[in-house]
Protein backbone atom coordinates (compact mmCIF):
# COMPACT_ATOMS: atom_id res chain seq x y z
CA MET A 1 -119.02 184.97 -13.77
CA LYS A 2 -116.69 183.26 -17.05
CA ILE A 3 -117.75 183.34 -20.33
CA SER A 4 -116.92 180.81 -22.71
CA ILE A 5 -117.25 180.98 -26.38
CA LEU A 6 -116.97 177.39 -28.83
CA GLN A 7 -117.03 175.87 -31.93
CA GLY A 8 -119.21 172.71 -32.15
CA ASP A 9 -122.11 170.95 -31.07
CA ILE A 10 -124.05 171.96 -28.18
CA THR A 11 -125.79 168.01 -27.56
CA SER A 12 -121.94 167.33 -27.20
CA ILE A 13 -121.56 170.21 -23.98
CA ALA A 14 -121.81 168.71 -20.60
CA ALA A 15 -123.52 171.56 -18.88
CA ASP A 16 -126.41 171.87 -15.72
CA ALA A 17 -128.69 173.48 -18.67
CA ILE A 18 -128.72 173.47 -22.34
CA VAL A 19 -130.34 176.05 -24.40
CA ASN A 20 -132.40 174.69 -26.98
CA ALA A 21 -133.77 177.38 -29.87
CA ALA A 22 -137.23 176.00 -30.59
CA ASN A 23 -140.01 177.00 -32.62
CA SER A 24 -143.80 177.76 -30.89
CA SER A 25 -144.79 174.09 -30.99
CA LEU A 26 -141.66 172.81 -29.09
CA MET A 27 -141.87 169.77 -31.84
CA PRO A 28 -138.49 168.54 -33.50
CA GLY A 29 -137.71 172.08 -36.29
CA ALA A 30 -134.69 172.89 -37.90
CA GLU A 31 -130.82 173.20 -36.67
CA VAL A 32 -130.34 172.97 -33.39
CA ASP A 33 -133.74 172.42 -32.10
CA CYS A 34 -133.39 169.19 -34.40
CA SER A 35 -130.32 168.18 -32.99
CA VAL A 36 -131.42 168.59 -29.37
CA HIS A 37 -134.43 166.60 -30.12
CA GLY A 38 -132.39 164.03 -31.92
CA ALA A 39 -130.00 163.69 -29.03
CA ALA A 40 -132.41 163.65 -26.12
CA GLY A 41 -134.50 161.17 -27.55
CA PRO A 42 -138.42 160.57 -28.37
CA GLU A 43 -139.03 161.39 -24.00
CA LEU A 44 -138.46 165.09 -25.03
CA GLU A 45 -141.36 165.20 -27.50
CA THR A 46 -143.32 163.91 -25.10
CA ALA A 47 -142.02 166.31 -22.34
CA CYS A 48 -142.81 169.13 -24.36
CA ARG A 49 -146.50 168.21 -25.87
CA GLU A 50 -147.31 168.11 -22.23
CA ILE A 51 -146.01 171.82 -22.02
CA ILE A 52 -147.72 173.03 -24.69
CA ASP A 53 -151.29 171.02 -24.21
CA LYS A 54 -151.08 172.50 -20.44
CA ASN A 55 -150.21 175.37 -20.56
CA TYR A 56 -149.58 177.15 -24.19
CA PRO A 57 -152.54 175.74 -26.51
CA HIS A 58 -151.59 178.27 -29.27
CA GLY A 59 -147.63 177.66 -28.82
CA LEU A 60 -144.91 178.77 -26.91
CA PRO A 61 -144.59 182.66 -27.48
CA PRO A 62 -141.19 184.30 -28.41
CA GLY A 63 -138.92 185.55 -25.69
CA ILE A 64 -140.26 182.98 -22.96
CA ALA A 65 -138.62 179.62 -21.72
CA VAL A 66 -139.49 176.90 -20.06
CA ALA A 67 -137.56 173.78 -18.66
CA THR A 68 -137.71 169.91 -19.13
CA LYS A 69 -135.68 167.05 -18.80
CA ALA A 70 -132.77 166.56 -21.06
CA TYR A 71 -132.81 162.70 -20.80
CA ASN A 72 -129.56 161.54 -22.67
CA LEU A 73 -127.93 164.85 -22.96
CA LYS A 74 -124.50 165.20 -20.94
CA ALA A 75 -126.93 168.17 -19.34
CA ARG A 76 -129.81 168.38 -16.54
CA ILE A 77 -132.41 170.45 -17.91
CA ILE A 78 -132.99 171.37 -21.22
CA ILE A 79 -134.41 175.31 -21.27
CA HIS A 80 -136.42 176.00 -24.63
CA THR A 81 -137.16 179.26 -25.89
CA VAL A 82 -138.51 180.83 -28.97
CA GLY A 83 -136.50 183.98 -30.56
CA PRO A 84 -137.90 186.52 -32.79
CA ILE A 85 -138.19 186.07 -36.77
CA TYR A 86 -135.90 189.12 -38.00
CA GLY A 87 -138.18 191.81 -39.76
CA SER A 88 -141.41 190.67 -38.59
CA GLN A 89 -141.07 190.66 -35.21
CA ASP A 90 -139.90 192.94 -32.29
CA ILE A 91 -135.69 191.86 -31.86
CA ASN A 92 -136.02 192.75 -28.29
CA LEU A 93 -137.64 189.43 -28.06
CA LEU A 94 -134.33 188.23 -28.51
CA VAL A 95 -133.13 189.42 -24.98
CA ASN A 96 -135.91 188.24 -23.69
CA CYS A 97 -135.19 184.86 -24.92
CA TYR A 98 -131.43 185.18 -23.51
CA ARG A 99 -132.75 187.26 -19.81
CA ASN A 100 -135.31 184.26 -19.55
CA SER A 101 -133.28 181.52 -20.15
CA LEU A 102 -130.82 182.73 -17.92
CA ASN A 103 -133.69 183.75 -15.25
CA LEU A 104 -134.58 180.31 -15.65
CA ALA A 105 -131.24 178.62 -15.34
CA GLU A 106 -130.66 179.93 -11.77
CA GLY A 107 -133.83 179.19 -10.39
CA ASN A 108 -133.17 175.61 -11.29
CA ARG A 109 -130.15 176.14 -9.66
CA CYS A 110 -127.60 175.78 -12.67
CA ARG A 111 -124.03 176.55 -12.50
CA THR A 112 -123.39 175.91 -16.15
CA ILE A 113 -125.73 177.05 -18.91
CA ALA A 114 -124.87 176.32 -23.03
CA PHE A 115 -126.50 178.86 -25.38
CA PRO A 116 -126.77 178.19 -29.18
CA PRO A 117 -127.10 181.50 -31.05
CA ILE A 118 -130.73 181.67 -31.09
CA SER A 119 -132.89 183.18 -34.27
CA THR A 120 -130.11 182.96 -36.41
CA GLY A 121 -130.94 179.87 -38.60
CA ALA A 122 -134.70 180.13 -39.97
CA TYR A 123 -135.63 182.73 -38.00
CA GLY A 124 -133.21 185.16 -39.86
CA VAL A 125 -131.33 187.15 -37.21
CA PRO A 126 -127.53 188.49 -38.57
CA MET A 127 -124.97 186.74 -36.69
CA LEU A 128 -123.51 189.78 -35.69
CA LYS A 129 -126.44 191.40 -34.49
CA SER A 130 -127.43 188.21 -32.07
CA ALA A 131 -123.60 188.65 -30.79
CA GLU A 132 -123.87 192.41 -29.92
CA ILE A 133 -127.15 191.03 -28.24
CA VAL A 134 -125.88 188.47 -26.21
CA LYS A 135 -122.94 190.81 -24.92
CA ARG A 136 -125.77 193.20 -23.69
CA VAL A 137 -127.35 190.46 -22.18
CA LEU A 138 -124.66 189.00 -20.33
CA GLN A 139 -122.79 192.02 -19.30
CA PHE A 140 -125.80 193.22 -17.21
CA PHE A 141 -126.53 189.54 -15.69
CA LYS A 142 -125.50 188.90 -12.36
CA SER A 143 -125.78 185.43 -10.50
CA THR A 144 -124.72 184.23 -7.35
CA VAL A 145 -125.88 180.55 -8.93
CA VAL A 146 -124.68 180.52 -12.72
CA GLU A 147 -120.81 180.57 -12.72
CA GLU A 148 -120.26 179.44 -16.78
CA ILE A 149 -122.12 180.62 -19.38
CA ILE A 150 -120.89 179.07 -22.75
CA LEU A 151 -121.90 179.92 -25.78
CA VAL A 152 -121.48 177.64 -28.59
CA LEU A 153 -121.37 178.16 -32.20
CA ARG A 154 -121.93 175.37 -35.22
CA THR A 155 -119.24 177.33 -37.49
CA LYS A 156 -116.39 178.86 -37.85
CA ASN A 157 -117.48 181.92 -39.11
CA ASP A 158 -119.77 182.11 -36.73
CA PHE A 159 -117.27 181.74 -34.17
CA ASP A 160 -114.90 184.82 -35.34
CA THR A 161 -118.06 186.82 -35.46
CA TYR A 162 -118.72 186.18 -31.57
CA ARG A 163 -115.26 186.32 -31.00
CA GLU A 164 -114.52 189.79 -32.27
CA VAL A 165 -117.59 191.32 -30.69
CA PHE A 166 -116.77 189.51 -27.13
CA GLY A 167 -112.94 190.17 -28.53
CA SER A 168 -111.66 186.75 -26.93
CA ASP A 169 -112.99 183.45 -26.39
CA ARG A 170 -112.75 183.22 -22.89
CA LEU A 171 -114.66 186.09 -20.71
CA THR A 172 -115.46 187.23 -17.24
CA PHE A 173 -118.01 189.70 -16.03
């Protein structure tokens, strides 16, 4: 399995699945979530509202992953997952975000999946801790379906942190 680390905007990535670092309501929020909703179009909000209304009336719990169509994005599906709030929720929920997203991508026969750094914005997970957790999850993920995982970082500092932890910006596990 190939792992790529890129600096850029996840909404411009062409992949079978992109992951949205969502909030528990699945409604447009801050940073990545706002970008994903804006780029996907208004149909995404309707789809997210249906998921919450039917399955999660108290909000999507941290660590769970759900999928919608990607609408106007260059992806087939969007996988939404809610990360933990650093310092007040179990950091191991972040592991679940990545594992459950990968399993959902595999179940949807996605060959490529793009991830932002989950919980590093408004939820406060330090970028270094994020990179270490992601590396640990990816080292143990095995798939006969998923061929490439793309880690998309917005800033050069975030990109450099991930590259330092992973040891390169192109890897094979």
